N, C-alpha and C. Protein backbone atom coordinates (compact mmCIF):
# COMPACT_ATOMS: atom_id res chain seq x y z
N MET A 1 17.57 -5.99 -9.52
CA MET A 1 16.40 -6.16 -11.00
C MET A 1 16.12 -7.11 -11.27
N ALA A 2 17.36 -8.26 -10.94
CA ALA A 2 17.09 -9.73 -11.53
C ALA A 2 15.80 -10.54 -10.47
N LEU A 3 15.86 -9.77 -9.35
CA LEU A 3 14.79 -10.32 -8.80
C LEU A 3 13.35 -10.00 -9.37
N ILE A 4 12.95 -8.96 -9.39
CA ILE A 4 12.06 -8.42 -10.03
C ILE A 4 11.97 -9.10 -11.29
N ALA A 5 13.01 -8.74 -12.21
CA ALA A 5 12.34 -9.24 -13.55
C ALA A 5 11.74 -10.91 -13.17
N LEU A 6 12.11 -11.75 -12.31
CA LEU A 6 11.38 -13.23 -11.99
C LEU A 6 10.22 -12.94 -11.32
N LEU A 7 10.00 -11.88 -10.60
CA LEU A 7 8.73 -12.07 -9.86
C LEU A 7 7.33 -11.21 -11.11
N ASN A 8 8.18 -10.45 -11.62
CA ASN A 8 7.17 -10.31 -13.23
C ASN A 8 7.02 -11.48 -14.00
N ALA A 9 7.76 -12.23 -13.93
CA ALA A 9 7.83 -13.52 -15.37
C ALA A 9 6.68 -14.27 -15.02
N PRO A 10 6.09 -14.81 -15.89
CA PRO A 10 5.23 -15.97 -15.86
C PRO A 10 5.29 -16.99 -15.26
N GLU A 11 6.86 -17.19 -16.11
CA GLU A 11 7.57 -18.86 -15.14
C GLU A 11 8.68 -18.48 -14.99
N SER A 12 9.43 -19.29 -14.83
CA SER A 12 11.07 -19.49 -14.87
C SER A 12 11.86 -19.04 -15.91
N LEU A 13 13.10 -18.33 -15.48
CA LEU A 13 13.41 -17.93 -16.78
C LEU A 13 15.20 -18.30 -17.05
N HIS A 14 15.77 -18.43 -18.42
CA HIS A 14 16.75 -18.32 -18.26
C HIS A 14 17.51 -17.09 -17.89
N GLY A 15 19.19 -17.18 -17.76
CA GLY A 15 19.97 -16.24 -17.64
C GLY A 15 19.60 -14.88 -18.35
N TYR A 16 19.76 -15.90 -19.97
CA TYR A 16 20.02 -14.93 -20.76
C TYR A 16 18.87 -13.93 -20.79
N GLU A 17 17.45 -14.60 -20.68
CA GLU A 17 16.05 -13.95 -20.54
C GLU A 17 16.16 -13.06 -19.28
N ILE A 18 17.17 -13.12 -18.64
CA ILE A 18 17.19 -12.12 -17.35
C ILE A 18 17.85 -11.33 -17.61
N MET A 19 18.80 -11.56 -18.55
CA MET A 19 19.64 -10.23 -19.05
C MET A 19 19.04 -9.83 -20.00
N GLN A 20 18.40 -9.94 -20.87
CA GLN A 20 17.70 -9.03 -21.77
C GLN A 20 16.46 -8.39 -21.26
N ILE A 21 15.57 -8.55 -19.79
CA ILE A 21 15.03 -7.66 -19.25
C ILE A 21 15.32 -7.09 -18.43
N ALA A 22 16.67 -7.21 -17.50
CA ALA A 22 16.99 -6.06 -16.42
C ALA A 22 18.31 -5.87 -16.99
N GLY A 23 18.61 -6.08 -18.10
CA GLY A 23 19.69 -4.71 -18.94
C GLY A 23 21.30 -5.15 -18.07
N ILE A 24 21.25 -6.54 -17.68
CA ILE A 24 22.74 -6.82 -16.65
C ILE A 24 23.37 -7.46 -17.31
N LYS A 25 24.56 -7.20 -17.70
CA LYS A 25 25.57 -8.14 -18.47
C LYS A 25 25.75 -9.52 -17.74
N PRO A 26 26.32 -10.45 -18.74
CA PRO A 26 26.56 -11.81 -17.80
C PRO A 26 27.57 -11.49 -16.86
N GLY A 27 28.59 -10.54 -17.14
CA GLY A 27 29.67 -11.44 -15.75
C GLY A 27 29.26 -10.25 -14.69
N THR A 28 27.84 -9.73 -14.74
CA THR A 28 27.80 -9.28 -13.37
C THR A 28 26.44 -10.39 -12.99
N LEU A 29 25.60 -10.53 -13.51
CA LEU A 29 24.26 -11.68 -13.41
C LEU A 29 24.57 -12.74 -13.00
N TYR A 30 26.16 -13.57 -13.78
CA TYR A 30 25.45 -15.31 -13.48
C TYR A 30 26.28 -14.77 -11.62
N PRO A 31 27.35 -14.58 -11.29
CA PRO A 31 27.66 -14.15 -10.02
C PRO A 31 26.68 -13.79 -8.70
N MET A 32 25.66 -12.99 -9.05
CA MET A 32 24.81 -12.26 -8.64
C MET A 32 23.60 -13.59 -8.54
N LEU A 33 23.32 -14.04 -9.47
CA LEU A 33 22.35 -15.24 -9.72
C LEU A 33 22.92 -16.84 -8.47
N ALA A 34 24.46 -16.58 -8.69
CA ALA A 34 24.81 -17.82 -7.55
C ALA A 34 25.02 -17.08 -5.99
N ARG A 35 25.06 -15.89 -5.84
CA ARG A 35 24.78 -15.52 -4.62
C ARG A 35 23.23 -14.77 -3.95
N LEU A 36 22.55 -14.96 -5.16
CA LEU A 36 21.20 -15.05 -4.30
C LEU A 36 20.76 -16.43 -4.35
N GLU A 37 21.22 -17.40 -4.93
CA GLU A 37 20.70 -18.59 -4.92
C GLU A 37 21.59 -19.51 -3.33
N ASP A 38 22.85 -19.04 -3.48
CA ASP A 38 23.47 -19.05 -1.67
C ASP A 38 22.75 -18.88 -1.20
N GLN A 39 21.92 -17.48 -1.02
CA GLN A 39 20.95 -17.08 -0.31
C GLN A 39 19.59 -17.25 0.11
N ALA A 40 19.59 -18.75 -0.62
CA ALA A 40 17.74 -18.84 -0.75
C ALA A 40 17.20 -18.12 -1.22
N MET A 41 17.68 -16.76 -2.19
CA MET A 41 16.34 -16.28 -2.95
C MET A 41 15.93 -17.16 -4.21
N LEU A 42 16.68 -17.48 -4.54
CA LEU A 42 16.61 -18.18 -5.91
C LEU A 42 16.68 -20.00 -5.82
N ALA A 43 16.05 -20.11 -6.57
CA ALA A 43 16.16 -21.72 -7.21
C ALA A 43 16.55 -21.80 -8.31
N SER A 44 17.37 -23.09 -8.51
CA SER A 44 17.46 -23.35 -10.25
C SER A 44 17.54 -24.41 -10.41
N GLN A 45 17.32 -24.71 -11.82
CA GLN A 45 17.62 -26.08 -12.30
C GLN A 45 18.26 -26.54 -13.54
N TRP A 46 18.52 -27.21 -13.95
CA TRP A 46 18.72 -27.77 -15.38
C TRP A 46 17.63 -28.13 -16.17
N GLN A 47 18.04 -27.44 -17.53
CA GLN A 47 16.74 -27.83 -17.96
C GLN A 47 17.09 -28.58 -19.69
N GLU A 48 16.68 -29.94 -20.09
CA GLU A 48 17.28 -30.35 -21.35
C GLU A 48 17.09 -29.47 -22.48
N PRO A 49 18.35 -29.33 -23.01
CA PRO A 49 17.76 -28.42 -24.68
C PRO A 49 16.59 -29.09 -25.10
N SER A 50 15.75 -27.84 -25.81
CA SER A 50 14.44 -28.35 -26.89
C SER A 50 15.33 -28.41 -28.14
N VAL A 51 16.66 -27.94 -28.38
CA VAL A 51 16.73 -28.05 -29.88
C VAL A 51 18.28 -29.08 -29.78
N GLU A 52 18.27 -29.82 -30.68
CA GLU A 52 19.23 -30.89 -30.63
C GLU A 52 20.41 -29.92 -30.45
N GLY A 53 21.92 -30.45 -30.10
CA GLY A 53 23.13 -29.69 -30.40
C GLY A 53 23.07 -28.81 -29.17
N ARG A 54 22.06 -28.57 -28.26
CA ARG A 54 22.46 -27.04 -27.66
C ARG A 54 22.81 -27.74 -25.84
N PRO A 55 23.36 -27.35 -25.29
CA PRO A 55 23.42 -27.53 -23.75
C PRO A 55 22.77 -27.70 -23.09
N PRO A 56 22.41 -28.16 -22.47
CA PRO A 56 21.51 -28.05 -21.14
C PRO A 56 21.42 -26.71 -20.47
N ARG A 57 20.42 -25.42 -19.95
CA ARG A 57 20.62 -24.34 -19.95
C ARG A 57 19.97 -24.49 -17.58
N HIS A 58 20.69 -23.76 -17.24
CA HIS A 58 20.04 -23.22 -16.43
C HIS A 58 18.99 -22.58 -16.12
N ILE A 59 17.97 -22.92 -15.58
CA ILE A 59 16.19 -21.91 -15.32
C ILE A 59 16.55 -21.48 -14.00
N TYR A 60 15.99 -20.57 -13.77
CA TYR A 60 15.90 -19.67 -12.49
C TYR A 60 14.67 -19.62 -12.00
N SER A 61 14.17 -19.63 -10.64
CA SER A 61 12.94 -19.00 -10.32
C SER A 61 13.11 -18.72 -8.56
N LEU A 62 12.27 -17.58 -8.00
CA LEU A 62 12.29 -17.15 -7.33
C LEU A 62 11.66 -17.96 -5.85
N THR A 63 12.40 -18.25 -4.84
CA THR A 63 11.43 -18.97 -4.00
C THR A 63 10.39 -18.00 -2.94
N GLU A 64 10.14 -18.05 -1.58
CA GLU A 64 9.53 -17.31 -1.20
C GLU A 64 9.94 -16.47 -0.73
N ALA A 65 11.30 -16.54 -0.04
CA ALA A 65 12.41 -15.13 0.54
C ALA A 65 12.58 -14.30 -0.35
N GLY A 66 12.65 -14.98 -1.84
CA GLY A 66 13.07 -14.41 -2.92
C GLY A 66 11.77 -13.56 -3.49
N ARG A 67 11.08 -13.91 -3.57
CA ARG A 67 9.54 -13.06 -4.22
C ARG A 67 9.31 -12.21 -2.66
N ASP A 68 9.10 -12.44 -1.82
CA ASP A 68 9.14 -11.31 -1.08
C ASP A 68 10.01 -10.14 -0.48
N LEU A 69 11.85 -10.37 -1.08
CA LEU A 69 12.70 -9.55 -0.97
C LEU A 69 12.40 -8.27 -2.62
N ALA A 70 11.79 -9.13 -3.80
CA ALA A 70 11.27 -8.57 -4.67
C ALA A 70 10.19 -7.60 -4.72
N LYS A 71 9.29 -8.17 -3.83
CA LYS A 71 7.72 -6.91 -3.70
C LYS A 71 8.10 -5.99 -2.93
N SER A 72 8.96 -6.11 -1.79
CA SER A 72 9.62 -5.18 -0.94
C SER A 72 10.64 -4.01 -1.81
N LEU A 73 11.28 -4.68 -2.81
CA LEU A 73 11.94 -3.56 -3.81
C LEU A 73 11.18 -2.98 -4.58
N LEU A 74 9.76 -3.37 -4.60
CA LEU A 74 8.87 -2.53 -5.48
C LEU A 74 8.59 -1.87 -4.83
N GLN A 75 7.93 -1.57 -3.68
CA GLN A 75 7.31 -1.15 -3.22
C GLN A 75 8.20 0.05 -1.99
N GLU A 76 9.33 0.16 -2.74
CA GLU A 76 10.26 1.34 -2.05
C GLU A 76 10.00 2.40 -2.86
N ASP A 77 10.70 3.47 -2.41
CA ASP A 77 10.07 4.45 -3.56
C ASP A 77 11.01 4.70 -4.64
N ARG A 78 10.73 3.67 -5.63
CA ARG A 78 11.46 3.53 -6.42
C ARG A 78 10.48 3.31 -7.78
N PRO A 79 10.33 3.92 -8.03
CA PRO A 79 8.61 3.95 -9.54
C PRO A 79 9.74 3.37 -10.77
N ASP A 80 11.09 4.00 -10.69
CA ASP A 80 11.54 3.30 -12.39
C ASP A 80 11.94 1.97 -12.12
N VAL A 81 12.11 1.30 -11.22
CA VAL A 81 12.71 0.11 -11.34
C VAL A 81 11.52 -0.87 -12.04
N GLY A 82 10.16 -1.12 -11.56
CA GLY A 82 9.33 -1.76 -12.06
C GLY A 82 8.74 -0.51 -13.73
N GLN A 83 9.15 0.03 -13.93
CA GLN A 83 8.69 0.76 -15.10
C GLN A 83 9.68 0.26 -16.33
N GLN A 84 10.76 0.80 -15.94
CA GLN A 84 12.23 0.28 -16.87
C GLN A 84 11.98 -1.75 -16.95
N LEU A 85 11.33 -2.49 -16.16
CA LEU A 85 11.38 -3.83 -16.29
C LEU A 85 10.14 -4.06 -17.02
N ARG A 86 9.27 -2.83 -17.25
CA ARG A 86 8.00 -3.69 -18.04
C ARG A 86 8.27 -2.55 -19.40
N ALA A 87 9.02 -1.85 -19.52
CA ALA A 87 9.19 -1.31 -20.87
C ALA A 87 10.42 -2.46 -22.03
N LYS A 88 10.86 -3.13 -21.17
CA LYS A 88 11.94 -4.16 -21.75
C LYS A 88 11.11 -5.43 -22.14
N PRO A 89 10.92 -6.31 -23.74
CA PRO A 89 10.86 -7.26 -23.92
C PRO A 89 11.44 -9.04 -23.51
N ILE A 90 10.37 -9.36 -23.33
CA ILE A 90 11.82 -10.74 -22.63
C ILE A 90 11.92 -11.19 -24.39
């Protein structure tokens, strides 16, 4: 679901945004994002805070391999995946 959330996003997303879209709890999401990055499915970078006093945050984007995997997940016989993500606001 995290890969598909990123595929449908117009730009890179913060972990919190991915949690909201995909409905994944942080204890599950962040280890999963780290594994996907280790497998070269995701790329992350630090983003400086836009509000003073907040810490920098990671933003995540799909690599070409991650984009291919996300597209293949959508093509599987799982219409519920795309439907669930479209129903959740960013």
